[in-house]
Amino acid sequence: QAIQRNFLPRFSSRLVYTYTETDALFRRLFKNNRNT
């Protein structure tokens, strides 16, 4: 059944939250402005 659902009509709904952090934290930790 778990694989049969790949071939059944479906209603998919999601609430999604994404947090992204870039260079700032890494540079504070390693004191290097070249690493990312």
PDB file of all heavy atoms in Angstrom:
ATOM      1  N   GLN A   1       0.824  -1.214   0.000  1.00  0.00           N
ATOM      2  CA  GLN A   1       0.000   0.000   0.000  1.00  0.00           C
ATOM      3  C   GLN A   1       0.856   1.262   0.000  1.00  0.00           C
ATOM      4  O   GLN A   1       0.495   2.268  -0.613  1.00  0.00           O
ATOM      5  CB  GLN A   1      -0.918   0.005   1.224  1.00  0.00           C
ATOM      6  CG  GLN A   1      -1.981  -1.082   1.191  1.00  0.00           C
ATOM      7  CD  GLN A   1      -2.967  -0.930   2.326  1.00  0.00           C
ATOM      8  OE1 GLN A   1      -3.561   0.128   2.516  1.00  0.00           O
ATOM      9  NE2 GLN A   1      -3.136  -2.000   3.098  1.00  0.00           N
ATOM     10  N   ALA A   2       1.983   1.222   0.699  1.00  0.00           N
ATOM     11  CA  ALA A   2       2.838   2.406   0.769  1.00  0.00           C
ATOM     12  C   ALA A   2       3.347   2.813  -0.602  1.00  0.00           C
ATOM     13  O   ALA A   2       3.588   3.996  -0.863  1.00  0.00           O
ATOM     14  CB  ALA A   2       4.015   2.143   1.713  1.00  0.00           C
ATOM     15  N   ILE A   3       3.544   1.841  -1.514  1.00  0.00           N
ATOM     16  CA  ILE A   3       4.023   2.149  -2.859  1.00  0.00           C
ATOM     17  C   ILE A   3       2.859   2.344  -3.819  1.00  0.00           C
ATOM     18  O   ILE A   3       2.949   3.109  -4.784  1.00  0.00           O
ATOM     19  CB  ILE A   3       4.968   1.037  -3.353  1.00  0.00           C
ATOM     20  CG1 ILE A   3       6.102   0.832  -2.349  1.00  0.00           C
ATOM     21  CG2 ILE A   3       5.538   1.377  -4.721  1.00  0.00           C
ATOM     22  CD1 ILE A   3       7.065  -0.262  -2.724  1.00  0.00           C
ATOM     23  N   GLN A   4       1.731   1.680  -3.568  1.00  0.00           N
ATOM     24  CA  GLN A   4       0.550   1.873  -4.413  1.00  0.00           C
ATOM     25  C   GLN A   4       0.109   3.337  -4.425  1.00  0.00           C
ATOM     26  O   GLN A   4      -0.395   3.827  -5.429  1.00  0.00           O
ATOM     27  CB  GLN A   4      -0.599   1.008  -3.898  1.00  0.00           C
ATOM     28  CG  GLN A   4      -0.482  -0.465  -4.248  1.00  0.00           C
ATOM     29  CD  GLN A   4      -1.680  -1.253  -3.760  1.00  0.00           C
ATOM     30  OE1 GLN A   4      -2.710  -0.681  -3.433  1.00  0.00           O
ATOM     31  NE2 GLN A   4      -1.541  -2.565  -3.704  1.00  0.00           N
ATOM     32  N   ARG A   5       0.327   4.035  -3.308  1.00  0.00           N
ATOM     33  CA  ARG A   5      -0.117   5.434  -3.243  1.00  0.00           C
ATOM     34  C   ARG A   5       0.603   6.311  -4.249  1.00  0.00           C
ATOM     35  O   ARG A   5       0.139   7.403  -4.555  1.00  0.00           O
ATOM     36  CB  ARG A   5       0.082   5.975  -1.822  1.00  0.00           C
ATOM     37  CG  ARG A   5      -0.912   5.399  -0.828  1.00  0.00           C
ATOM     38  CD  ARG A   5      -0.999   6.279   0.418  1.00  0.00           C
ATOM     39  NE  ARG A   5      -2.035   5.794   1.301  1.00  0.00           N
ATOM     40  CZ  ARG A   5      -1.828   4.964   2.321  1.00  0.00           C
ATOM     41  NH1 ARG A   5      -0.599   4.539   2.564  1.00  0.00           N
ATOM     42  NH2 ARG A   5      -2.807   4.565   3.088  1.00  0.00           N
ATOM     43  N   ASN A   6       1.752   5.856  -4.757  1.00  0.00           N
ATOM     44  CA  ASN A   6       2.421   6.607  -5.822  1.00  0.00           C
ATOM     45  C   ASN A   6       1.541   6.727  -7.059  1.00  0.00           C
ATOM     46  O   ASN A   6       1.731   7.629  -7.885  1.00  0.00           O
ATOM     47  CB  ASN A   6       3.730   5.913  -6.218  1.00  0.00           C
ATOM     48  CG  ASN A   6       4.767   5.977  -5.124  1.00  0.00           C
ATOM     49  OD1 ASN A   6       4.463   6.265  -3.975  1.00  0.00           O
ATOM     50  ND2 ASN A   6       6.008   5.714  -5.473  1.00  0.00           N
ATOM     51  N   PHE A   7       0.570   5.824  -7.202  1.00  0.00           N
ATOM     52  CA  PHE A   7      -0.233   5.762  -8.423  1.00  0.00           C
ATOM     53  C   PHE A   7      -1.713   6.028  -8.144  1.00  0.00           C
ATOM     54  O   PHE A   7      -2.562   5.688  -8.958  1.00  0.00           O
ATOM     55  CB  PHE A   7      -0.062   4.394  -9.081  1.00  0.00           C
ATOM     56  CG  PHE A   7       1.374   4.046  -9.343  1.00  0.00           C
ATOM     57  CD1 PHE A   7       2.093   3.280  -8.438  1.00  0.00           C
ATOM     58  CD2 PHE A   7       2.021   4.517 -10.477  1.00  0.00           C
ATOM     59  CE1 PHE A   7       3.422   2.972  -8.668  1.00  0.00           C
ATOM     60  CE2 PHE A   7       3.334   4.220 -10.709  1.00  0.00           C
ATOM     61  CZ  PHE A   7       4.044   3.445  -9.812  1.00  0.00           C
ATOM     62  N   LEU A   8      -2.022   6.646  -7.009  1.00  0.00           N
ATOM     63  CA  LEU A   8      -3.400   6.989  -6.657  1.00  0.00           C
ATOM     64  C   LEU A   8      -3.592   8.498  -6.670  1.00  0.00           C
ATOM     65  O   LEU A   8      -2.662   9.250  -6.360  1.00  0.00           O
ATOM     66  CB  LEU A   8      -3.745   6.443  -5.258  1.00  0.00           C
ATOM     67  CG  LEU A   8      -3.714   4.920  -5.086  1.00  0.00           C
ATOM     68  CD1 LEU A   8      -3.980   4.560  -3.629  1.00  0.00           C
ATOM     69  CD2 LEU A   8      -4.725   4.250  -5.998  1.00  0.00           C
ATOM     70  N   PRO A   9      -4.784   8.993  -7.040  1.00  0.00           N
ATOM     71  CA  PRO A   9      -5.055  10.428  -6.955  1.00  0.00           C
ATOM     72  C   PRO A   9      -4.891  10.898  -5.510  1.00  0.00           C
ATOM     73  O   PRO A   9      -5.324  10.237  -4.567  1.00  0.00           O
ATOM     74  CB  PRO A   9      -6.508  10.550  -7.429  1.00  0.00           C
ATOM     75  CG  PRO A   9      -6.766   9.296  -8.196  1.00  0.00           C
ATOM     76  CD  PRO A   9      -5.939   8.227  -7.555  1.00  0.00           C
ATOM     77  N   ARG A  10      -4.254  12.074  -5.330  1.00  0.00           N
ATOM     78  CA  ARG A  10      -3.946  12.530  -3.980  1.00  0.00           C
ATOM     79  C   ARG A  10      -4.203  14.022  -3.817  1.00  0.00           C
ATOM     80  O   ARG A  10      -4.095  14.804  -4.772  1.00  0.00           O
ATOM     81  CB  ARG A  10      -2.482  12.232  -3.628  1.00  0.00           C
ATOM     82  CG  ARG A  10      -2.144  10.772  -3.627  1.00  0.00           C
ATOM     83  CD  ARG A  10      -0.750  10.518  -3.093  1.00  0.00           C
ATOM     84  NE  ARG A  10       0.303  11.145  -3.872  1.00  0.00           N
ATOM     85  CZ  ARG A  10       0.800  10.635  -4.991  1.00  0.00           C
ATOM     86  NH1 ARG A  10       0.295   9.522  -5.482  1.00  0.00           N
ATOM     87  NH2 ARG A  10       1.765  11.258  -5.624  1.00  0.00           N
ATOM     88  N   PHE A  11      -4.530  14.411  -2.598  1.00  0.00           N
ATOM     89  CA  PHE A  11      -4.692  15.799  -2.182  1.00  0.00           C
ATOM     90  C   PHE A  11      -3.598  16.049  -1.153  1.00  0.00           C
ATOM     91  O   PHE A  11      -3.632  15.511  -0.057  1.00  0.00           O
ATOM     92  CB  PHE A  11      -6.076  15.997  -1.569  1.00  0.00           C
ATOM     93  CG  PHE A  11      -6.389  17.429  -1.169  1.00  0.00           C
ATOM     94  CD1 PHE A  11      -7.683  17.782  -0.820  1.00  0.00           C
ATOM     95  CD2 PHE A  11      -5.426  18.422  -1.139  1.00  0.00           C
ATOM     96  CE1 PHE A  11      -8.000  19.083  -0.450  1.00  0.00           C
ATOM     97  CE2 PHE A  11      -5.716  19.717  -0.772  1.00  0.00           C
ATOM     98  CZ  PHE A  11      -7.013  20.041  -0.433  1.00  0.00           C
ATOM     99  N   SER A  12      -2.609  16.855  -1.523  1.00  0.00           N
ATOM    100  CA  SER A  12      -1.494  17.134  -0.632  1.00  0.00           C
ATOM    101  C   SER A  12      -1.565  18.578  -0.164  1.00  0.00           C
ATOM    102  O   SER A  12      -1.693  19.497  -0.980  1.00  0.00           O
ATOM    103  CB  SER A  12      -0.158  16.887  -1.354  1.00  0.00           C
ATOM    104  OG  SER A  12       0.933  17.315  -0.558  1.00  0.00           O
ATOM    105  N   SER A  13      -1.535  18.791   1.143  1.00  0.00           N
ATOM    106  CA  SER A  13      -1.500  20.142   1.695  1.00  0.00           C
ATOM    107  C   SER A  13      -0.422  20.210   2.756  1.00  0.00           C
ATOM    108  O   SER A  13      -0.220  19.269   3.522  1.00  0.00           O
ATOM    109  CB  SER A  13      -2.855  20.516   2.298  1.00  0.00           C
ATOM    110  OG  SER A  13      -3.070  19.839   3.511  1.00  0.00           O
ATOM    111  N   ARG A  14       0.297  21.335   2.804  1.00  0.00           N
ATOM    112  CA  ARG A  14       1.392  21.475   3.759  1.00  0.00           C
ATOM    113  C   ARG A  14       1.474  22.901   4.270  1.00  0.00           C
ATOM    114  O   ARG A  14       1.193  23.861   3.551  1.00  0.00           O
ATOM    115  CB  ARG A  14       2.731  21.109   3.106  1.00  0.00           C
ATOM    116  CG  ARG A  14       2.785  19.735   2.507  1.00  0.00           C
ATOM    117  CD  ARG A  14       4.186  19.381   2.050  1.00  0.00           C
ATOM    118  NE  ARG A  14       4.710  20.281   1.038  1.00  0.00           N
ATOM    119  CZ  ARG A  14       4.462  20.185  -0.255  1.00  0.00           C
ATOM    120  NH1 ARG A  14       3.655  19.225  -0.695  1.00  0.00           N
ATOM    121  NH2 ARG A  14       4.996  21.021  -1.113  1.00  0.00           N
ATOM    122  N   LEU A  15       1.874  23.042   5.519  1.00  0.00           N
ATOM    123  CA  LEU A  15       2.348  24.304   6.069  1.00  0.00           C
ATOM    124  C   LEU A  15       3.856  24.165   6.191  1.00  0.00           C
ATOM    125  O   LEU A  15       4.343  23.211   6.808  1.00  0.00           O
ATOM    126  CB  LEU A  15       1.719  24.588   7.431  1.00  0.00           C
ATOM    127  CG  LEU A  15       2.124  25.899   8.118  1.00  0.00           C
ATOM    128  CD1 LEU A  15       0.990  26.415   8.997  1.00  0.00           C
ATOM    129  CD2 LEU A  15       3.395  25.744   8.968  1.00  0.00           C
ATOM    130  N   VAL A  16       4.611  25.091   5.610  1.00  0.00           N
ATOM    131  CA  VAL A  16       6.067  24.952   5.523  1.00  0.00           C
ATOM    132  C   VAL A  16       6.734  26.202   6.098  1.00  0.00           C
ATOM    133  O   VAL A  16       6.376  27.330   5.745  1.00  0.00           O
ATOM    134  CB  VAL A  16       6.524  24.759   4.067  1.00  0.00           C
ATOM    135  CG1 VAL A  16       8.040  24.539   4.012  1.00  0.00           C
ATOM    136  CG2 VAL A  16       5.791  23.590   3.420  1.00  0.00           C
ATOM    137  N   TYR A  17       7.690  25.978   6.996  1.00  0.00           N
ATOM    138  CA  TYR A  17       8.524  27.085   7.503  1.00  0.00           C
ATOM    139  C   TYR A  17       9.985  26.740   7.252  1.00  0.00           C
ATOM    140  O   TYR A  17      10.446  25.634   7.574  1.00  0.00           O
ATOM    141  CB  TYR A  17       8.308  27.306   8.992  1.00  0.00           C
ATOM    142  CG  TYR A  17       9.286  28.312   9.576  1.00  0.00           C
ATOM    143  CD1 TYR A  17       9.143  29.670   9.318  1.00  0.00           C
ATOM    144  CD2 TYR A  17      10.374  27.888  10.344  1.00  0.00           C
ATOM    145  CE1 TYR A  17      10.048  30.592   9.823  1.00  0.00           C
ATOM    146  CE2 TYR A  17      11.282  28.800  10.858  1.00  0.00           C
ATOM    147  CZ  TYR A  17      11.121  30.155  10.601  1.00  0.00           C
ATOM    148  OH  TYR A  17      12.022  31.062  11.097  1.00  0.00           O
ATOM    149  N   THR A  18      10.733  27.693   6.680  1.00  0.00           N
ATOM    150  CA  THR A  18      12.145  27.504   6.375  1.00  0.00           C
ATOM    151  C   THR A  18      12.957  28.667   6.919  1.00  0.00           C
ATOM    152  O   THR A  18      12.596  29.834   6.712  1.00  0.00           O
ATOM    153  CB  THR A  18      12.378  27.397   4.859  1.00  0.00           C
ATOM    154  OG1 THR A  18      11.587  26.324   4.336  1.00  0.00           O
ATOM    155  CG2 THR A  18      13.841  27.125   4.556  1.00  0.00           C
ATOM    156  N   TYR A  19      14.020  28.347   7.634  1.00  0.00           N
ATOM    157  CA  TYR A  19      14.951  29.369   8.134  1.00  0.00           C
ATOM    158  C   TYR A  19      16.307  29.139   7.484  1.00  0.00           C
ATOM    159  O   TYR A  19      16.839  28.025   7.501  1.00  0.00           O
ATOM    160  CB  TYR A  19      15.082  29.291   9.654  1.00  0.00           C
ATOM    161  CG  TYR A  19      16.136  30.232  10.210  1.00  0.00           C
ATOM    162  CD1 TYR A  19      15.869  31.592  10.367  1.00  0.00           C
ATOM    163  CD2 TYR A  19      17.403  29.757  10.551  1.00  0.00           C
ATOM    164  CE1 TYR A  19      16.837  32.449  10.857  1.00  0.00           C
ATOM    165  CE2 TYR A  19      18.378  30.616  11.055  1.00  0.00           C
ATOM    166  CZ  TYR A  19      18.083  31.962  11.205  1.00  0.00           C
ATOM    167  OH  TYR A  19      19.031  32.820  11.693  1.00  0.00           O
ATOM    168  N   THR A  20      16.874  30.202   6.913  1.00  0.00           N
ATOM    169  CA  THR A  20      18.167  30.115   6.242  1.00  0.00           C
ATOM    170  C   THR A  20      19.111  31.147   6.823  1.00  0.00           C
ATOM    171  O   THR A  20      18.755  32.326   6.935  1.00  0.00           O
ATOM    172  CB  THR A  20      18.022  30.346   4.730  1.00  0.00           C
ATOM    173  OG1 THR A  20      17.082  29.421   4.187  1.00  0.00           O
ATOM    174  CG2 THR A  20      19.359  30.171   4.025  1.00  0.00           C
ATOM    175  N   GLU A  21      20.297  30.716   7.208  1.00  0.00           N
ATOM    176  CA  GLU A  21      21.334  31.649   7.679  1.00  0.00           C
ATOM    177  C   GLU A  21      22.602  31.403   6.894  1.00  0.00           C
ATOM    178  O   GLU A  21      23.005  30.250   6.669  1.00  0.00           O
ATOM    179  CB  GLU A  21      21.591  31.479   9.175  1.00  0.00           C
ATOM    180  CG  GLU A  21      22.650  32.452   9.672  1.00  0.00           C
ATOM    181  CD  GLU A  21      22.553  32.766  11.150  1.00  0.00           C
ATOM    182  OE1 GLU A  21      21.536  32.398  11.760  1.00  0.00           O
ATOM    183  OE2 GLU A  21      23.490  33.379  11.688  1.00  0.00           O
ATOM    184  N   THR A  22      23.237  32.507   6.486  1.00  0.00           N
ATOM    185  CA  THR A  22      24.446  32.412   5.684  1.00  0.00           C
ATOM    186  C   THR A  22      25.631  32.969   6.450  1.00  0.00           C
ATOM    187  O   THR A  22      25.634  32.996   7.676  1.00  0.00           O
ATOM    188  CB  THR A  22      24.257  33.142   4.346  1.00  0.00           C
ATOM    189  OG1 THR A  22      23.854  34.496   4.603  1.00  0.00           O
ATOM    190  CG2 THR A  22      23.173  32.475   3.517  1.00  0.00           C
ATOM    191  N   ASP A  23      26.607  33.499   5.758  1.00  0.00           N
ATOM    192  CA  ASP A  23      27.941  33.810   6.249  1.00  0.00           C
ATOM    193  C   ASP A  23      28.051  34.375   7.662  1.00  0.00           C
ATOM    194  O   ASP A  23      29.028  34.114   8.344  1.00  0.00           O
ATOM    195  CB  ASP A  23      28.615  34.809   5.310  1.00  0.00           C
ATOM    196  CG  ASP A  23      28.745  34.256   3.916  1.00  0.00           C
ATOM    197  OD1 ASP A  23      28.666  33.033   3.772  1.00  0.00           O
ATOM    198  OD2 ASP A  23      28.905  35.038   2.984  1.00  0.00           O
ATOM    199  N   ALA A  24      27.096  35.170   8.106  1.00  0.00           N
ATOM    200  CA  ALA A  24      27.258  35.943   9.337  1.00  0.00           C
ATOM    201  C   ALA A  24      27.704  35.086  10.519  1.00  0.00           C
ATOM    202  O   ALA A  24      28.698  35.392  11.186  1.00  0.00           O
ATOM    203  CB  ALA A  24      25.963  36.669   9.672  1.00  0.00           C
ATOM    204  N   LEU A  25      26.983  34.000  10.802  1.00  0.00           N
ATOM    205  CA  LEU A  25      27.315  33.168  11.951  1.00  0.00           C
ATOM    206  C   LEU A  25      28.687  32.531  11.788  1.00  0.00           C
ATOM    207  O   LEU A  25      29.498  32.516  12.722  1.00  0.00           O
ATOM    208  CB  LEU A  25      26.250  32.078  12.125  1.00  0.00           C
ATOM    209  CG  LEU A  25      26.533  31.036  13.219  1.00  0.00           C
ATOM    210  CD1 LEU A  25      26.598  31.713  14.579  1.00  0.00           C
ATOM    211  CD2 LEU A  25      25.461  29.955  13.212  1.00  0.00           C
ATOM    212  N   PHE A  26      28.982  32.029  10.608  1.00  0.00           N
ATOM    213  CA  PHE A  26      30.247  31.335  10.371  1.00  0.00           C
ATOM    214  C   PHE A  26      31.427  32.289  10.546  1.00  0.00           C
ATOM    215  O   PHE A  26      32.450  31.931  11.136  1.00  0.00           O
ATOM    216  CB  PHE A  26      30.236  30.748   8.959  1.00  0.00           C
ATOM    217  CG  PHE A  26      31.372  29.803   8.686  1.00  0.00           C
ATOM    218  CD1 PHE A  26      31.432  28.592   9.343  1.00  0.00           C
ATOM    219  CD2 PHE A  26      32.356  30.118   7.775  1.00  0.00           C
ATOM    220  CE1 PHE A  26      32.463  27.707   9.091  1.00  0.00           C
ATOM    221  CE2 PHE A  26      33.386  29.238   7.524  1.00  0.00           C
ATOM    222  CZ  PHE A  26      33.441  28.033   8.182  1.00  0.00           C
ATOM    223  N   ARG A  27      31.279  33.502  10.079  1.00  0.00           N
ATOM    224  CA  ARG A  27      32.374  34.465  10.192  1.00  0.00           C
ATOM    225  C   ARG A  27      32.607  34.880  11.638  1.00  0.00           C
ATOM    226  O   ARG A  27      33.732  35.133  12.059  1.00  0.00           O
ATOM    227  CB  ARG A  27      32.067  35.685   9.318  1.00  0.00           C
ATOM    228  CG  ARG A  27      32.143  35.369   7.833  1.00  0.00           C
ATOM    229  CD  ARG A  27      31.712  36.535   6.977  1.00  0.00           C
ATOM    230  NE  ARG A  27      31.826  36.191   5.563  1.00  0.00           N
ATOM    231  CZ  ARG A  27      31.416  36.987   4.580  1.00  0.00           C
ATOM    232  NH1 ARG A  27      30.863  38.146   4.846  1.00  0.00           N
ATOM    233  NH2 ARG A  27      31.547  36.603   3.322  1.00  0.00           N
ATOM    234  N   ARG A  28      31.538  34.958  12.429  1.00  0.00           N
ATOM    235  CA  ARG A  28      31.703  35.292  13.846  1.00  0.00           C
ATOM    236  C   ARG A  28      32.453  34.180  14.584  1.00  0.00           C
ATOM    237  O   ARG A  28      33.252  34.431  15.484  1.00  0.00           O
ATOM    238  CB  ARG A  28      30.339  35.523  14.498  1.00  0.00           C
ATOM    239  CG  ARG A  28      29.645  36.789  14.049  1.00  0.00           C
ATOM    240  CD  ARG A  28      28.555  37.185  15.029  1.00  0.00           C
ATOM    241  NE  ARG A  28      27.534  36.163  15.148  1.00  0.00           N
ATOM    242  CZ  ARG A  28      26.420  36.135  14.411  1.00  0.00           C
ATOM    243  NH1 ARG A  28      26.228  37.072  13.503  1.00  0.00           N
ATOM    244  NH2 ARG A  28      25.531  35.183  14.570  1.00  0.00           N
ATOM    245  N   LEU A  29      32.203  32.932  14.198  1.00  0.00           N
ATOM    246  CA  LEU A  29      32.819  31.806  14.888  1.00  0.00           C
ATOM    247  C   LEU A  29      34.289  31.640  14.508  1.00  0.00           C
ATOM    248  O   LEU A  29      35.136  31.362  15.364  1.00  0.00           O
ATOM    249  CB  LEU A  29      32.055  30.523  14.587  1.00  0.00           C
ATOM    250  CG  LEU A  29      30.645  30.413  15.168  1.00  0.00           C
ATOM    251  CD1 LEU A  29      29.972  29.143  14.675  1.00  0.00           C
ATOM    252  CD2 LEU A  29      30.683  30.402  16.687  1.00  0.00           C
ATOM    253  N   PHE A  30      34.616  31.805  13.228  1.00  0.00           N
ATOM    254  CA  PHE A  30      35.948  31.478  12.743  1.00  0.00           C
ATOM    255  C   PHE A  30      36.803  32.700  12.411  1.00  0.00           C
ATOM    256  O   PHE A  30      37.958  32.566  12.044  1.00  0.00           O
ATOM    257  CB  PHE A  30      35.847  30.576  11.498  1.00  0.00           C
ATOM    258  CG  PHE A  30      35.310  29.209  11.808  1.00  0.00           C
ATOM    259  CD1 PHE A  30      33.953  28.965  11.763  1.00  0.00           C
ATOM    260  CD2 PHE A  30      36.159  28.188  12.169  1.00  0.00           C
ATOM    261  CE1 PHE A  30      33.441  27.707  12.050  1.00  0.00           C
ATOM    262  CE2 PHE A  30      35.664  26.927  12.466  1.00  0.00           C
ATOM    263  CZ  PHE A  30      34.307  26.680  12.411  1.00  0.00           C
ATOM    264  N   LYS A  31      36.231  33.897  12.543  1.00  0.00           N
ATOM    265  CA  LYS A  31      36.982  35.133  12.302  1.00  0.00           C
ATOM    266  C   LYS A  31      37.658  35.122  10.938  1.00  0.00           C
ATOM    267  O   LYS A  31      38.779  35.581  10.761  1.00  0.00           O
ATOM    268  CB  LYS A  31      38.040  35.347  13.401  1.00  0.00           C
ATOM    269  CG  LYS A  31      37.521  35.241  14.818  1.00  0.00           C
ATOM    270  CD  LYS A  31      36.468  36.291  15.118  1.00  0.00           C
ATOM    271  CE  LYS A  31      36.010  36.183  16.573  1.00  0.00           C
ATOM    272  NZ  LYS A  31      34.936  37.138  16.894  1.00  0.00           N
ATOM    273  N   ASN A  32      36.968  34.583   9.949  1.00  0.00           N
ATOM    274  CA  ASN A  32      37.548  34.480   8.613  1.00  0.00           C
ATOM    275  C   ASN A  32      36.493  34.904   7.611  1.00  0.00           C
ATOM    276  O   ASN A  32      35.422  34.310   7.541  1.00  0.00           O
ATOM    277  CB  ASN A  32      37.996  33.042   8.340  1.00  0.00           C
ATOM    278  CG  ASN A  32      38.751  32.912   7.029  1.00  0.00           C
ATOM    279  OD1 ASN A  32      38.467  33.591   6.063  1.00  0.00           O
ATOM    280  ND2 ASN A  32      39.737  32.019   7.012  1.00  0.00           N
ATOM    281  N   ASN A  33      36.784  35.942   6.838  1.00  0.00           N
ATOM    282  CA  ASN A  33      35.777  36.454   5.914  1.00  0.00           C
ATOM    283  C   ASN A  33      35.824  35.791   4.544  1.00  0.00           C
ATOM    284  O   ASN A  33      35.143  36.228   3.631  1.00  0.00           O
ATOM    285  CB  ASN A  33      35.925  37.974   5.753  1.00  0.00           C
ATOM    286  CG  ASN A  33      37.278  38.371   5.185  1.00  0.00           C
ATOM    287  OD1 ASN A  33      38.113  37.526   4.881  1.00  0.00           O
ATOM    288  ND2 ASN A  33      37.497  39.678   5.070  1.00  0.00           N
ATOM    289  N   ARG A  34      36.637  34.733   4.399  1.00  0.00           N
ATOM    290  CA  ARG A  34      36.697  34.051   3.116  1.00  0.00           C
ATOM    291  C   ARG A  34      35.879  32.763   3.113  1.00  0.00           C
ATOM    292  O   ARG A  34      35.383  32.333   2.099  1.00  0.00           O
ATOM    293  CB  ARG A  34      38.153  33.748   2.738  1.00  0.00           C
ATOM    294  CG  ARG A  34      39.002  35.000   2.534  1.00  0.00           C
ATOM    295  CD  ARG A  34      40.398  34.652   2.047  1.00  0.00           C
ATOM    296  NE  ARG A  34      40.338  34.062   0.710  1.00  0.00           N
ATOM    297  CZ  ARG A  34      40.752  32.837   0.431  1.00  0.00           C
ATOM    298  NH1 ARG A  34      41.212  32.054   1.385  1.00  0.00           N
ATOM    299  NH2 ARG A  34      40.691  32.368  -0.800  1.00  0.00           N
ATOM    300  N   ASN A  35      35.794  32.114   4.272  1.00  0.00           N
ATOM    301  CA  ASN A  35      34.999  30.896   4.355  1.00  0.00           C
ATOM    302  C   ASN A  35      33.516  31.245   4.332  1.00  0.00           C
ATOM    303  O   ASN A  35      33.099  32.319   4.774  1.00  0.00           O
ATOM    304  CB  ASN A  35      35.330  30.117   5.623  1.00  0.00           C
ATOM    305  CG  ASN A  35      36.779  29.672   5.660  1.00  0.00           C
ATOM    306  OD1 ASN A  35      37.386  29.428   4.625  1.00  0.00           O
ATOM    307  ND2 ASN A  35      37.337  29.590   6.856  1.00  0.00           N
ATOM    308  N   THR A  36      32.719  30.333   3.821  1.00  0.00           N
ATOM    309  CA  THR A  36      31.282  30.567   3.682  1.00  0.00           C
ATOM    310  C   THR A  36      30.505  29.436   4.331  1.00  0.00           C
ATOM    311  O   THR A  36      30.905  28.274   4.241  1.00  0.00           O
ATOM    312  CB  THR A  36      30.892  30.673   2.190  1.00  0.00           C
ATOM    313  OG1 THR A  36      31.657  31.707   1.575  1.00  0.00           O
ATOM    314  CG2 THR A  36      29.413  31.003   2.048  1.00  0.00           C
TER     315      THR A  36
END
